[in-house]
Amino acid sequence: MSISTLVYTTMTASLTQFLKDRFATSEDEISEVVKYFKHIKVNKDEVLVESDKVCHYFFFVVKGCVKTCFIDSLGHETTRYIAFENEFISNLKSFIEQTPSSEYVCAIEPSELLAISYTDFRYALNRTTLFKDVYIKLLEKTYLYNHWRIETLLRLDAKQRYEYMLKNNKQHVQRLSNKNLSSFLGITQESLSRVKGKK
């Protein structure tokens, strides 16, 4: 993972537009937030955060696709979250507490990201109202997402989970391999193939 000095390009323009579209704020405050982010380019399958290592960065996806996943002692992978363009991703627990991560963060596709370090993240929280608003919105989204994940895993069978994704999160179905999609849905690749075959 190579981190380069931030320059104002189309990379930062994506984050700037994201903030403009979602928050009532000024150009100056947006610039104050964006300046803390660094540009990162990663390859497919490149690991951004190792399991058992502290997560030092919070990422915004400009281009590509990134996942957080657990790998058990038998090598079985379970994907917790997938972020596409204009979404944030990290191991939030490890990042906030600065303790070892229980999961991996890695790129599913060749990706271009903007990353903010833990130190700059905390500094920006203390300096700008905008970044506090972003953080609150992020925590709300994380809570709602986790509730949805638990509910779907408990209530829906393999076929229902796939049909839900096809209807509500079609990008996941279109862009993910069977391996990544089945890992996200919490089913085997064989089950996913059977479900797809019945469509």
Protein backbone atom coordinates (compact mmCIF):
# COMPACT_ATOMS: atom_id res chain seq x y z
CA MET A 1 0.00 0.00 0.00
CA SER A 2 1.63 3.23 -1.14
CA ILE A 3 0.42 6.54 0.25
CA SER A 4 1.18 9.67 -1.74
CA THR A 5 0.86 13.34 -0.84
CA LEU A 6 -2.60 14.65 -1.57
CA VAL A 7 -3.08 16.96 -4.55
CA TYR A 8 -6.40 18.43 -5.59
CA THR A 9 -7.38 16.25 -8.52
CA THR A 10 -10.40 14.25 -9.59
CA MET A 11 -9.54 11.98 -6.66
CA THR A 12 -10.29 14.61 -4.04
CA ALA A 13 -13.09 16.02 -6.18
CA SER A 14 -15.04 12.81 -5.52
CA LEU A 15 -14.87 13.31 -1.75
CA THR A 16 -15.60 17.03 -2.13
CA GLN A 17 -18.75 16.30 -4.15
CA PHE A 18 -19.79 13.58 -1.69
CA LEU A 19 -19.65 16.10 1.18
CA LYS A 20 -21.44 18.82 -0.82
CA ASP A 21 -24.28 16.47 -1.71
CA ARG A 22 -24.90 15.26 1.84
CA PHE A 23 -24.07 18.09 4.23
CA ALA A 24 -25.00 21.76 4.53
CA THR A 25 -21.56 23.31 4.78
CA SER A 26 -19.14 25.77 3.22
CA GLU A 27 -16.39 25.33 0.63
CA ASP A 28 -13.82 26.33 3.24
CA GLU A 29 -14.96 23.67 5.69
CA ILE A 30 -14.96 21.01 2.97
CA SER A 31 -11.41 21.99 2.00
CA GLU A 32 -10.41 21.82 5.66
CA VAL A 33 -11.65 18.22 5.87
CA VAL A 34 -10.40 17.00 2.49
CA LYS A 35 -6.83 18.21 3.08
CA TYR A 36 -6.29 15.49 5.71
CA PHE A 37 -6.81 12.66 3.21
CA LYS A 38 -4.02 10.93 1.29
CA HIS A 39 -4.30 9.22 -2.09
CA ILE A 40 -3.82 5.44 -2.21
CA LYS A 41 -3.78 3.05 -5.18
CA VAL A 42 -4.12 -0.66 -4.42
CA ASN A 43 -4.14 -3.82 -6.51
CA LYS A 44 -6.80 -6.51 -6.59
CA ASP A 45 -6.60 -8.67 -3.42
CA GLU A 46 -4.12 -6.28 -1.80
CA VAL A 47 -4.50 -6.20 1.98
CA LEU A 48 -5.01 -2.77 3.56
CA VAL A 49 -5.38 -3.98 7.15
CA GLU A 50 -4.12 -7.33 8.46
CA SER A 51 -5.99 -9.33 11.08
CA ASP A 52 -4.29 -8.91 14.49
CA LYS A 53 -2.79 -5.59 13.36
CA VAL A 54 -4.03 -2.14 14.41
CA CYS A 55 -6.07 -0.30 11.78
CA HIS A 56 -4.40 3.11 11.37
CA TYR A 57 -6.45 4.45 8.45
CA PHE A 58 -10.02 5.20 7.50
CA PHE A 59 -10.74 4.87 3.77
CA PHE A 60 -13.03 6.55 1.23
CA VAL A 61 -13.49 4.60 -2.01
CA VAL A 62 -13.05 6.78 -5.09
CA LYS A 63 -12.85 3.91 -7.56
CA GLY A 64 -13.08 0.17 -7.08
CA CYS A 65 -14.33 -2.11 -4.34
CA VAL A 66 -13.04 -2.99 -0.85
CA LYS A 67 -14.21 -5.55 1.72
CA THR A 68 -13.82 -6.36 5.40
CA CYS A 69 -13.72 -10.07 6.15
CA PHE A 70 -12.97 -12.71 8.77
CA ILE A 71 -10.99 -15.87 8.03
CA ASP A 72 -11.42 -18.77 10.46
CA SER A 73 -8.87 -21.41 11.47
CA LEU A 74 -9.97 -23.62 8.56
CA GLY A 75 -9.44 -20.85 6.03
CA HIS A 76 -13.14 -20.14 5.50
CA GLU A 77 -13.85 -16.50 4.73
CA THR A 78 -16.90 -14.51 5.86
CA THR A 79 -17.32 -11.03 4.43
CA ARG A 80 -18.87 -8.50 6.79
CA TYR A 81 -19.02 -5.39 4.61
CA ILE A 82 -18.32 -4.31 1.03
CA ALA A 83 -17.76 -0.69 -0.01
CA PHE A 84 -18.07 0.58 -3.56
CA GLU A 85 -17.48 4.08 -4.93
CA ASN A 86 -18.38 7.00 -2.62
CA GLU A 87 -18.48 4.85 0.50
CA PHE A 88 -16.28 4.75 3.59
CA ILE A 89 -14.72 1.57 4.94
CA SER A 90 -12.44 0.51 7.79
CA ASN A 91 -12.39 -1.78 10.78
CA LEU A 92 -14.13 0.83 12.89
CA LYS A 93 -13.56 -0.89 16.24
CA SER A 94 -9.83 -1.28 15.68
CA PHE A 95 -9.56 2.24 14.26
CA ILE A 96 -11.42 3.95 17.10
CA GLU A 97 -9.78 1.98 19.91
CA GLN A 98 -6.38 1.61 18.19
CA THR A 99 -6.38 -2.06 19.13
CA PRO A 100 -5.61 -5.11 16.93
CA SER A 101 -8.19 -5.81 14.23
CA SER A 102 -10.17 -9.04 14.24
CA GLU A 103 -10.65 -8.91 10.47
CA TYR A 104 -8.94 -8.08 7.20
CA VAL A 105 -9.60 -5.07 5.00
CA CYS A 106 -8.65 -5.78 1.39
CA ALA A 107 -9.37 -4.72 -2.17
CA ILE A 108 -11.69 -6.84 -4.29
CA GLU A 109 -10.85 -4.83 -7.41
CA PRO A 110 -7.93 -2.55 -8.34
CA SER A 111 -8.95 0.50 -6.32
CA GLU A 112 -8.20 4.16 -5.75
CA LEU A 113 -8.85 5.38 -2.23
CA LEU A 114 -8.50 8.41 -0.02
CA ALA A 115 -7.19 7.59 3.45
CA ILE A 116 -7.13 9.59 6.67
CA SER A 117 -4.88 8.54 9.54
CA TYR A 118 -6.15 8.08 13.09
CA THR A 119 -4.21 11.14 14.27
CA ASP A 120 -5.62 13.36 11.52
CA PHE A 121 -9.09 11.86 12.01
CA ARG A 122 -9.13 12.91 15.68
CA TYR A 123 -7.63 16.29 14.86
CA ALA A 124 -10.28 16.96 12.19
CA LEU A 125 -13.05 15.97 14.62
CA ASN A 126 -11.87 18.65 17.03
CA ARG A 127 -11.44 21.32 14.36
CA THR A 128 -14.50 21.10 12.11
CA THR A 129 -18.23 20.76 12.62
CA LEU A 130 -18.48 19.11 9.21
CA PHE A 131 -16.26 16.21 10.18
CA LYS A 132 -18.26 15.70 13.38
CA ASP A 133 -21.42 15.55 11.24
CA VAL A 134 -19.76 13.04 8.90
CA TYR A 135 -18.74 10.91 11.88
CA ILE A 136 -22.24 10.94 13.39
CA LYS A 137 -23.79 10.01 10.04
CA LEU A 138 -21.23 7.24 9.66
CA LEU A 139 -22.02 5.80 13.09
CA GLU A 140 -25.76 5.91 12.33
CA LYS A 141 -25.23 4.14 9.02
CA THR A 142 -23.01 1.53 10.66
CA TYR A 143 -25.64 0.78 13.31
CA LEU A 144 -28.43 0.45 10.75
CA TYR A 145 -26.27 -1.70 8.49
CA ASN A 146 -25.30 -4.06 11.31
CA HIS A 147 -28.96 -4.39 12.32
CA TRP A 148 -29.87 -5.24 8.73
CA ARG A 149 -27.06 -7.79 8.45
CA ILE A 150 -28.09 -9.61 11.62
CA GLU A 151 -31.75 -9.58 10.63
CA THR A 152 -31.15 -10.99 7.13
CA LEU A 153 -28.80 -13.68 8.39
CA LEU A 154 -31.31 -14.79 11.02
CA ARG A 155 -34.54 -14.52 9.02
CA LEU A 156 -33.72 -15.27 5.38
CA ASP A 157 -32.59 -18.49 3.73
CA ALA A 158 -30.01 -18.62 0.91
CA LYS A 159 -32.56 -18.04 -1.87
CA GLN A 160 -34.19 -15.12 -0.04
CA ARG A 161 -30.84 -13.46 0.68
CA TYR A 162 -29.83 -13.65 -2.97
CA GLU A 163 -33.21 -12.35 -4.15
CA TYR A 164 -32.97 -9.46 -1.69
CA MET A 165 -29.54 -8.53 -3.03
CA LEU A 166 -30.75 -8.81 -6.62
CA LYS A 167 -33.59 -6.42 -5.86
CA ASN A 168 -31.94 -3.94 -3.49
CA ASN A 169 -28.17 -4.19 -4.03
CA LYS A 170 -27.82 -5.22 -7.67
CA GLN A 171 -24.28 -3.82 -7.86
CA HIS A 172 -23.13 -6.54 -5.46
CA VAL A 173 -24.51 -9.25 -7.75
CA GLN A 174 -23.15 -7.68 -10.93
CA ARG A 175 -19.63 -6.86 -9.75
CA LEU A 176 -18.76 -9.57 -7.26
CA SER A 177 -17.44 -13.04 -8.06
CA ASN A 178 -19.40 -16.01 -6.75
CA LYS A 179 -16.70 -16.44 -4.11
CA ASN A 180 -17.08 -12.90 -2.75
CA LEU A 181 -20.85 -12.80 -3.11
CA SER A 182 -21.38 -16.13 -1.31
CA SER A 183 -18.99 -15.02 1.44
CA PHE A 184 -21.02 -11.84 1.88
CA LEU A 185 -24.35 -13.69 1.86
CA GLY A 186 -23.10 -16.25 4.37
CA ILE A 187 -23.74 -19.23 2.10
CA THR A 188 -21.54 -21.68 0.19
CA GLN A 189 -20.58 -21.12 -3.44
CA GLU A 190 -22.46 -24.31 -4.28
CA SER A 191 -25.65 -22.96 -2.69
CA LEU A 192 -25.25 -19.68 -4.57
CA SER A 193 -24.77 -21.51 -7.87
CA ARG A 194 -27.94 -23.53 -7.24
CA VAL A 195 -29.91 -20.40 -6.40
CA LYS A 196 -28.63 -18.61 -9.51
CA GLY A 197 -29.44 -21.67 -11.62
CA LYS A 198 -33.08 -21.49 -10.60
CA LYS A 199 -33.46 -17.85 -11.68
